[in-house]
Amino acid sequence: MQANEPTRNPTPVIGGTVKPGDTTGRLKIFLGFAAGTGKTFAMLDEARRRKGRGQDVVVGFVDPHGRKDTSDHQEGIEHIPARSFEVDGRRHAELDVDAIIARHPQLVLVDELQHINAPGSQRKQRWQDVDVLLAAGINVLSTLDVQYLESLNDQVYDITGVRISETVPDRILKEATEIEMVDATPRALIHRLERGDVVSNDERSEQVEKLFREGSLSGLRELAFRVIAERVDDDVLTHGVKGKVERPWAARDRVMICISPTQPSLRLIRRGWRTGQKLRADVVAVYVEEEAPSVKEQAMLENDFALSERLGIPTIRLKGEVADELIAYAQKNNITQLVVGHSSRSRVQEMLRPSIVSALIRELRTIDILVVAAEKPQEGSH
């Protein structure tokens, strides 16, 4: 939020606890649902307060995006110069992780966790740089919009029509010591966009227009509130108000994601991961190879396996008849929830030979089966 805007709405602050003896740094994330909510300004407010209390605070990387108020709000805080280098005749400036570690402040500000570093950088994305800083024992304040969370990629696309490419693993949010939501109304954000306070008029791309529709902003805002609510629930169950919360637990749920050998399963994997988070369940992805995949199918599977790895989901690879192997694995491993994709088969094909989904429903009557819509074509990216 800019200095000349009304005071931002009261925001929930969600905190975890650090175990005695921890030497890793603490991460606080200012979470928003779109550019312009005031995350960076709120982060700078926090930094100034901490500096006023005597903490050693530095700015690692904060991009004011041409906003004078944001630039002015950094005054009085030491800056670690960005690492400047040239690639193909173009100069880039990125977070200088080595310089920050050498300086070793108590607290460093690192804006925009989702940022993709320039070619030639040591790490691909800024959240990976932050991992290194935390491992070095340096506390970090950072910012993130909810649409960049890996597991929400499909929901964000359904809401906005924009496919986000600069994703951040959900574990970053889960491992954060503290999360503060920085809120604003969708209408207020649209007014800021129209005034040029979010991006300049010559930077208003088709993707920006899609993201800043009132319906898109309302949907993203709801996602952000859900993420915060889930974190509150996790904190209460994990920390239990100093151990005083009691809850009877049933046998642990186990979610099984059935990776398709013939069509992308990215949506399935994300949906299965979020189902597991809500149920606090074990999650596993299972792929059955009935015949050797084609080159196209192999590339598709590699993307599926890579997403599973990023989300921390173990992948089981089996060989045999697909339905039989999935049924046997589910029964043997006490699976309680199954996540599968819609069949793309025609009614005639279904009559001649029942689909895998039909076989699973028929044989696994004691298991809840979630049938997820197929992947949509990727019209745009951001």
Protein backbone atom coordinates (compact mmCIF):
# COMPACT_ATOMS: atom_id res chain seq x y z
CA MET A 1 0.00 0.00 0.00
CA GLN A 2 1.18 3.49 -0.77
CA ALA A 3 1.68 6.06 1.96
CA ASN A 4 -1.20 8.18 0.66
CA GLU A 5 -3.66 5.27 0.78
CA PRO A 6 -6.03 4.65 3.71
CA THR A 7 -4.70 2.43 6.46
CA ARG A 8 -4.75 -1.18 5.28
CA ASN A 9 -7.34 -3.55 6.70
CA PRO A 10 -6.53 -5.37 9.96
CA THR A 11 -4.58 -8.45 8.92
CA PRO A 12 -4.25 -11.86 10.51
CA VAL A 13 -0.75 -12.77 11.58
CA ILE A 14 -0.08 -16.48 11.78
CA GLY A 15 2.92 -17.71 13.68
CA GLY A 16 4.69 -20.97 14.32
CA THR A 17 7.30 -21.68 16.95
CA VAL A 18 11.03 -22.29 16.60
CA LYS A 19 12.44 -25.12 18.64
CA PRO A 20 15.14 -24.32 21.19
CA GLY A 21 18.57 -24.74 19.66
CA ASP A 22 17.43 -24.05 16.09
CA THR A 23 20.23 -22.39 14.13
CA THR A 24 18.25 -21.78 10.93
CA GLY A 25 16.82 -18.34 10.28
CA ARG A 26 13.15 -17.48 10.65
CA LEU A 27 11.03 -16.57 7.65
CA LYS A 28 8.10 -14.16 7.79
CA ILE A 29 5.98 -13.88 4.65
CA PHE A 30 3.67 -10.98 3.82
CA LEU A 31 0.98 -12.74 1.79
CA GLY A 32 -1.32 -10.99 -0.67
CA PHE A 33 -3.65 -12.01 -3.46
CA ALA A 34 -2.44 -9.62 -6.17
CA ALA A 35 0.10 -6.92 -6.87
CA GLY A 36 -0.74 -3.62 -5.20
CA THR A 37 -2.20 -4.85 -1.92
CA GLY A 38 0.72 -3.27 -0.03
CA LYS A 39 2.90 -6.28 0.82
CA THR A 40 6.22 -4.52 0.22
CA PHE A 41 5.15 -1.43 2.15
CA ALA A 42 4.01 -3.62 5.06
CA MET A 43 7.34 -5.46 4.99
CA LEU A 44 9.23 -2.16 5.13
CA ASP A 45 7.03 -1.03 8.04
CA GLU A 46 8.01 -4.18 9.93
CA ALA A 47 11.69 -3.67 9.10
CA ARG A 48 11.64 -0.08 10.36
CA ARG A 49 10.00 -1.15 13.62
CA ARG A 50 12.59 -3.87 14.16
CA LYS A 51 15.43 -1.50 13.34
CA GLY A 52 13.97 0.92 15.86
CA ARG A 53 14.15 -1.84 18.48
CA GLY A 54 17.87 -2.23 17.80
CA GLN A 55 17.91 -5.17 15.36
CA ASP A 56 20.55 -5.30 12.62
CA VAL A 57 18.38 -4.95 9.49
CA VAL A 58 19.43 -4.74 5.83
CA VAL A 59 17.65 -4.64 2.49
CA GLY A 60 18.74 -7.52 0.27
CA PHE A 61 16.45 -6.81 -2.67
CA VAL A 62 13.33 -4.64 -2.81
CA ASP A 63 11.98 -3.49 -6.17
CA PRO A 64 9.77 -0.39 -5.71
CA HIS A 65 8.42 -0.80 -9.28
CA GLY A 66 8.68 2.95 -9.77
CA ARG A 67 6.63 3.80 -6.67
CA LYS A 68 8.22 6.80 -4.96
CA ASP A 69 6.56 6.10 -1.59
CA THR A 70 8.05 2.60 -1.52
CA SER A 71 11.48 3.97 -2.41
CA ASP A 72 11.24 6.67 0.27
CA HIS A 73 10.18 4.10 2.88
CA GLN A 74 13.54 2.29 2.46
CA GLU A 75 15.53 5.33 3.56
CA GLY A 76 17.60 4.78 6.68
CA ILE A 77 17.94 1.02 6.13
CA GLU A 78 21.28 -0.32 4.93
CA HIS A 79 21.22 -1.84 1.43
CA ILE A 80 23.36 -4.76 0.29
CA PRO A 81 24.15 -3.92 -3.36
CA ALA A 82 22.62 -6.29 -5.88
CA ARG A 83 24.91 -8.57 -7.87
CA SER A 84 25.18 -7.00 -11.31
CA PHE A 85 26.22 -9.00 -14.36
CA GLU A 86 25.73 -9.08 -18.10
CA VAL A 87 24.20 -11.84 -20.23
CA ASP A 88 23.99 -11.54 -24.02
CA GLY A 89 24.57 -7.81 -23.87
CA ARG A 90 21.86 -7.22 -21.29
CA ARG A 91 22.65 -6.14 -17.72
CA HIS A 92 20.89 -7.89 -14.84
CA ALA A 93 20.74 -7.17 -11.11
CA GLU A 94 19.96 -10.01 -8.70
CA LEU A 95 20.06 -10.69 -4.97
CA ASP A 96 23.68 -11.09 -3.82
CA VAL A 97 23.37 -14.07 -1.48
CA ASP A 98 27.11 -14.39 -0.85
CA ALA A 99 27.43 -10.72 0.14
CA ILE A 100 24.50 -11.00 2.54
CA ILE A 101 25.96 -14.10 4.18
CA ALA A 102 29.34 -12.36 4.50
CA ARG A 103 27.64 -9.33 6.11
CA HIS A 104 25.42 -11.70 8.20
CA PRO A 105 22.76 -9.31 9.51
CA GLN A 106 20.06 -10.38 11.97
CA LEU A 107 17.36 -9.66 9.38
CA VAL A 108 17.30 -9.21 5.61
CA LEU A 109 14.45 -8.04 3.35
CA VAL A 110 13.98 -10.06 0.16
CA ASP A 111 11.00 -9.06 -1.96
CA GLU A 112 9.00 -11.33 -4.32
CA LEU A 113 9.77 -14.96 -3.46
CA GLN A 114 8.47 -16.13 -6.84
CA HIS A 115 10.99 -14.09 -8.88
CA ILE A 116 12.88 -16.05 -11.56
CA ASN A 117 16.58 -15.18 -11.50
CA ALA A 118 18.41 -14.14 -14.64
CA PRO A 119 20.38 -16.72 -16.63
CA GLY A 120 23.80 -17.19 -15.10
CA SER A 121 22.56 -16.98 -11.51
CA GLN A 122 23.51 -19.71 -9.03
CA ARG A 123 19.88 -20.65 -8.44
CA LYS A 124 16.80 -20.53 -10.64
CA GLN A 125 14.38 -18.72 -8.32
CA ARG A 126 14.54 -16.31 -5.42
CA TRP A 127 12.85 -18.68 -2.94
CA GLN A 128 15.89 -20.94 -3.40
CA ASP A 129 18.15 -18.00 -2.52
CA VAL A 130 16.07 -17.46 0.61
CA ASP A 131 16.52 -21.13 1.55
CA VAL A 132 20.29 -20.56 1.50
CA LEU A 133 20.00 -17.44 3.68
CA LEU A 134 17.81 -19.25 6.22
CA ALA A 135 20.24 -22.17 6.33
CA ALA A 136 22.99 -19.64 7.13
CA GLY A 137 21.03 -18.54 10.20
CA ILE A 138 19.76 -15.21 8.80
CA ASN A 139 16.16 -14.17 9.43
CA VAL A 140 14.21 -13.11 6.33
CA LEU A 141 11.17 -10.94 5.62
CA SER A 142 9.65 -11.59 2.19
CA THR A 143 6.51 -11.15 0.11
CA LEU A 144 4.34 -13.48 -1.97
CA ASP A 145 0.99 -13.46 -3.76
CA VAL A 146 -1.21 -16.52 -3.33
CA GLN A 147 -1.44 -17.24 -7.07
CA TYR A 148 2.21 -18.31 -7.11
CA LEU A 149 1.68 -21.33 -4.83
CA GLU A 150 2.39 -24.51 -6.81
CA SER A 151 -0.65 -26.49 -5.60
CA LEU A 152 -3.08 -23.68 -6.53
CA ASN A 153 -1.90 -23.43 -10.14
CA ASP A 154 -5.00 -25.06 -11.63
CA GLN A 155 -7.44 -23.12 -9.44
CA VAL A 156 -5.76 -19.84 -10.34
CA TYR A 157 -6.02 -20.74 -14.03
CA ASP A 158 -9.72 -21.63 -13.64
CA ILE A 159 -10.39 -18.31 -11.87
CA THR A 160 -8.32 -15.97 -14.03
CA GLY A 161 -7.54 -17.71 -17.32
CA VAL A 162 -3.83 -17.09 -16.67
CA ARG A 163 -1.38 -19.97 -16.27
CA ILE A 164 1.23 -18.92 -13.70
CA SER A 165 4.76 -20.13 -14.45
CA GLU A 166 6.67 -18.50 -11.55
CA THR A 167 5.48 -21.02 -8.97
CA VAL A 168 6.74 -21.48 -5.40
CA PRO A 169 6.58 -24.82 -3.53
CA ASP A 170 3.87 -24.85 -0.85
CA ARG A 171 6.42 -26.06 1.70
CA ILE A 172 7.91 -22.53 1.74
CA LEU A 173 4.66 -21.22 3.19
CA LYS A 174 4.31 -24.22 5.47
CA GLU A 175 7.82 -23.78 6.90
CA ALA A 176 7.48 -20.02 7.43
CA THR A 177 7.64 -19.03 11.09
CA GLU A 178 5.06 -16.29 10.57
CA ILE A 179 2.59 -15.24 7.85
CA GLU A 180 0.81 -11.91 7.67
CA MET A 181 -1.96 -11.39 5.15
CA VAL A 182 -1.98 -7.94 3.57
CA ASP A 183 -5.52 -7.31 2.39
CA ALA A 184 -7.39 -4.79 0.24
CA THR A 185 -10.72 -4.87 -1.56
CA PRO A 186 -10.79 -5.85 -5.26
CA ARG A 187 -12.35 -2.50 -6.13
CA ALA A 188 -9.52 -0.63 -4.36
CA LEU A 189 -6.94 -2.61 -6.36
CA ILE A 190 -8.69 -1.83 -9.63
CA HIS A 191 -8.62 1.89 -8.75
CA ARG A 192 -4.88 1.63 -8.00
CA LEU A 193 -4.31 -0.09 -11.35
CA GLU A 194 -6.24 2.64 -13.16
CA ARG A 195 -4.14 5.32 -11.43
CA GLY A 196 -0.94 3.57 -12.53
CA ASP A 197 0.03 2.67 -8.94
CA VAL A 198 0.33 -1.08 -9.68
CA VAL A 199 1.96 -1.11 -13.12
CA SER A 200 2.47 1.71 -15.57
CA ASN A 201 -0.08 2.00 -18.37
CA ASP A 202 2.43 0.80 -20.99
CA GLU A 203 2.98 -2.40 -18.94
CA ARG A 204 -0.72 -3.35 -18.81
CA SER A 205 -0.62 -6.63 -20.72
CA GLU A 206 -3.53 -8.93 -21.50
CA GLN A 207 -2.47 -11.08 -18.55
CA VAL A 208 -2.60 -8.11 -16.17
CA GLU A 209 -6.08 -7.27 -17.46
CA LYS A 210 -7.25 -10.85 -16.78
CA LEU A 211 -5.80 -10.86 -13.27
CA PHE A 212 -7.34 -7.48 -12.41
CA ARG A 213 -10.92 -8.25 -13.33
CA GLU A 214 -13.10 -7.85 -10.25
CA GLY A 215 -14.20 -11.50 -10.45
CA SER A 216 -10.60 -12.71 -10.72
CA LEU A 217 -9.48 -10.58 -7.78
CA SER A 218 -12.40 -11.77 -5.64
CA GLY A 219 -11.54 -15.40 -6.41
CA LEU A 220 -7.84 -14.88 -5.63
CA ARG A 221 -8.72 -13.09 -2.41
CA GLU A 222 -10.87 -16.03 -1.34
CA LEU A 223 -7.96 -18.40 -2.06
CA ALA A 224 -5.69 -16.28 0.13
CA PHE A 225 -8.19 -16.38 3.01
CA ARG A 226 -8.45 -20.16 2.64
CA VAL A 227 -4.66 -20.54 2.79
CA ILE A 228 -4.54 -18.42 5.94
CA ALA A 229 -7.41 -20.41 7.49
CA GLU A 230 -5.62 -23.69 6.77
CA ARG A 231 -2.46 -22.34 8.39
CA VAL A 232 -4.41 -21.26 11.49
CA ASP A 233 -5.91 -24.75 11.72
CA ASP A 234 -2.47 -26.35 11.34
CA ASP A 235 -0.98 -24.14 14.07
CA VAL A 236 -3.80 -24.91 16.50
CA LEU A 237 -3.50 -28.65 15.93
CA THR A 238 0.31 -28.68 15.97
CA HIS A 239 0.97 -26.40 18.89
CA GLY A 240 -2.33 -26.82 20.69
CA VAL A 241 -2.20 -23.69 22.86
CA LYS A 242 0.75 -25.09 24.82
CA GLY A 243 -0.54 -28.63 24.56
CA LYS A 244 -4.05 -28.01 25.90
CA VAL A 245 -5.97 -28.78 22.70
CA GLU A 246 -7.23 -32.35 22.49
CA ARG A 247 -8.70 -34.05 19.48
CA PRO A 248 -9.64 -37.67 18.97
CA TRP A 249 -7.88 -39.08 15.92
CA ALA A 250 -9.18 -41.78 13.65
CA ALA A 251 -6.86 -44.04 11.64
CA ARG A 252 -4.74 -41.84 9.38
CA ASP A 253 -6.14 -41.13 5.93
CA ARG A 254 -4.08 -42.19 2.93
CA VAL A 255 -4.55 -40.44 -0.41
CA MET A 256 -3.50 -42.16 -3.65
CA ILE A 257 -3.13 -40.15 -6.87
CA CYS A 258 -3.43 -42.24 -10.03
CA ILE A 259 -1.04 -40.80 -12.60
CA SER A 260 -2.30 -41.35 -16.13
CA PRO A 261 0.09 -42.86 -18.68
CA THR A 262 -1.74 -41.17 -21.59
CA GLN A 263 -2.62 -37.62 -20.49
CA PRO A 264 -1.09 -34.97 -18.19
CA SER A 265 -1.73 -35.49 -14.46
CA LEU A 266 -0.57 -32.12 -13.12
CA ARG A 267 -4.10 -31.13 -12.09
CA LEU A 268 -4.60 -34.50 -10.38
CA ILE A 269 -1.35 -34.17 -8.45
CA ARG A 270 -2.12 -30.66 -7.21
CA ARG A 271 -5.66 -31.62 -6.23
CA GLY A 272 -4.45 -34.76 -4.47
CA TRP A 273 -1.79 -32.80 -2.57
CA ARG A 274 -4.35 -30.25 -1.35
CA THR A 275 -6.75 -33.05 -0.36
CA GLY A 276 -3.96 -34.59 1.67
CA GLN A 277 -3.23 -31.25 3.35
CA LYS A 278 -6.86 -30.79 4.36
CA LEU A 279 -7.12 -34.35 5.71
CA ARG A 280 -3.60 -34.30 7.19
CA ALA A 281 -3.14 -37.51 5.26
CA ASP A 282 -0.25 -39.42 3.75
CA VAL A 283 -0.19 -38.89 -0.03
CA VAL A 284 1.33 -41.14 -2.67
CA ALA A 285 1.31 -40.95 -6.48
CA VAL A 286 1.08 -44.25 -8.37
CA TYR A 287 1.95 -44.79 -12.03
CA VAL A 288 1.33 -48.12 -13.76
CA GLU A 289 3.21 -48.91 -16.98
CA GLU A 290 1.17 -51.25 -19.13
CA GLU A 291 3.36 -50.72 -22.17
CA ALA A 292 6.42 -48.61 -22.92
CA PRO A 293 5.41 -44.93 -23.19
CA SER A 294 5.93 -42.99 -26.39
CA VAL A 295 8.41 -40.12 -26.50
CA LYS A 296 5.56 -37.64 -26.00
CA GLU A 297 4.11 -39.64 -23.11
CA GLN A 298 7.55 -39.97 -21.48
CA ALA A 299 8.03 -36.19 -21.54
CA MET A 300 4.57 -35.75 -20.02
CA LEU A 301 5.33 -38.28 -17.28
CA GLU A 302 8.61 -36.58 -16.44
CA ASN A 303 6.66 -33.34 -15.84
CA ASP A 304 4.23 -35.25 -13.60
CA PHE A 305 7.03 -36.87 -11.59
CA ALA A 306 8.85 -33.54 -11.26
CA LEU A 307 5.74 -31.87 -9.82
CA SER A 308 5.26 -34.75 -7.37
CA GLU A 309 8.85 -34.32 -6.22
CA ARG A 310 8.43 -30.56 -5.76
CA LEU A 311 5.36 -31.14 -3.60
CA GLY A 312 7.10 -33.88 -1.60
CA ILE A 313 4.84 -36.69 -2.84
CA PRO A 314 6.53 -40.11 -3.19
CA THR A 315 5.96 -41.75 -6.57
CA ILE A 316 5.39 -45.50 -6.91
CA ARG A 317 5.98 -47.07 -10.35
CA LEU A 318 4.37 -50.40 -11.12
CA LYS A 319 4.10 -52.63 -14.20
CA GLY A 320 1.10 -54.60 -15.37
CA GLU A 321 -2.55 -54.05 -16.26
CA VAL A 322 -3.42 -50.55 -15.02
CA ALA A 323 -6.73 -51.16 -13.26
CA ASP A 324 -5.59 -54.41 -11.63
CA GLU A 325 -2.37 -52.88 -10.29
CA LEU A 326 -4.11 -49.76 -8.95
CA ILE A 327 -6.78 -51.84 -7.22
CA ALA A 328 -4.21 -54.20 -5.69
CA TYR A 329 -2.03 -51.33 -4.44
CA ALA A 330 -4.98 -49.47 -2.93
CA GLN A 331 -6.22 -52.56 -1.09
CA LYS A 332 -2.80 -53.64 0.15
CA ASN A 333 -1.85 -50.18 1.43
CA ASN A 334 -5.13 -49.23 3.13
CA ILE A 335 -5.81 -46.27 0.85
CA THR A 336 -8.81 -44.23 2.00
CA GLN A 337 -9.01 -41.61 -0.79
CA LEU A 338 -8.37 -42.12 -4.50
CA VAL A 339 -7.80 -39.25 -6.95
CA VAL A 340 -8.26 -40.12 -10.64
CA GLY A 341 -8.84 -38.24 -13.89
CA HIS A 342 -11.94 -38.20 -16.07
CA SER A 343 -11.97 -40.80 -18.80
CA SER A 344 -11.69 -39.34 -22.32
CA ARG A 345 -13.23 -42.45 -23.85
CA SER A 346 -16.40 -42.37 -25.96
CA ARG A 347 -19.62 -44.11 -24.94
CA VAL A 348 -19.00 -46.84 -27.55
CA GLN A 349 -15.50 -47.47 -26.19
CA GLU A 350 -16.93 -47.60 -22.67
CA MET A 351 -19.46 -50.25 -23.75
CA LEU A 352 -16.83 -52.39 -25.45
CA ARG A 353 -14.36 -52.18 -22.57
CA PRO A 354 -15.11 -50.45 -19.25
CA SER A 355 -12.71 -47.65 -18.34
CA ILE A 356 -10.17 -47.77 -15.54
CA VAL A 357 -12.33 -45.37 -13.54
CA SER A 358 -15.32 -47.71 -13.85
CA ALA A 359 -13.22 -50.65 -12.68
CA LEU A 360 -11.92 -48.70 -9.68
CA ILE A 361 -15.42 -47.62 -8.65
CA ARG A 362 -16.71 -51.18 -8.99
CA GLU A 363 -13.89 -52.86 -7.05
CA LEU A 364 -13.01 -50.28 -4.40
CA ARG A 365 -16.39 -49.74 -2.78
CA THR A 366 -14.96 -48.80 0.62
CA ILE A 367 -12.65 -46.11 -0.76
CA ASP A 368 -13.75 -42.54 -1.54
CA ILE A 369 -12.94 -41.78 -5.19
CA LEU A 370 -12.51 -38.21 -6.44
CA VAL A 371 -12.75 -37.88 -10.23
CA VAL A 372 -10.98 -34.68 -11.34
CA ALA A 373 -11.63 -32.75 -14.54
CA ALA A 374 -9.06 -33.22 -17.29
CA GLU A 375 -6.31 -30.70 -17.96
CA LYS A 376 -7.38 -27.61 -19.87
CA PRO A 377 -5.30 -26.32 -22.78
CA GLN A 378 -2.75 -23.76 -21.62
CA GLU A 379 -3.89 -20.53 -23.26
CA GLY A 380 -1.60 -18.13 -21.45
CA SER A 381 1.25 -17.96 -18.99
CA HIS A 382 2.55 -15.45 -16.47
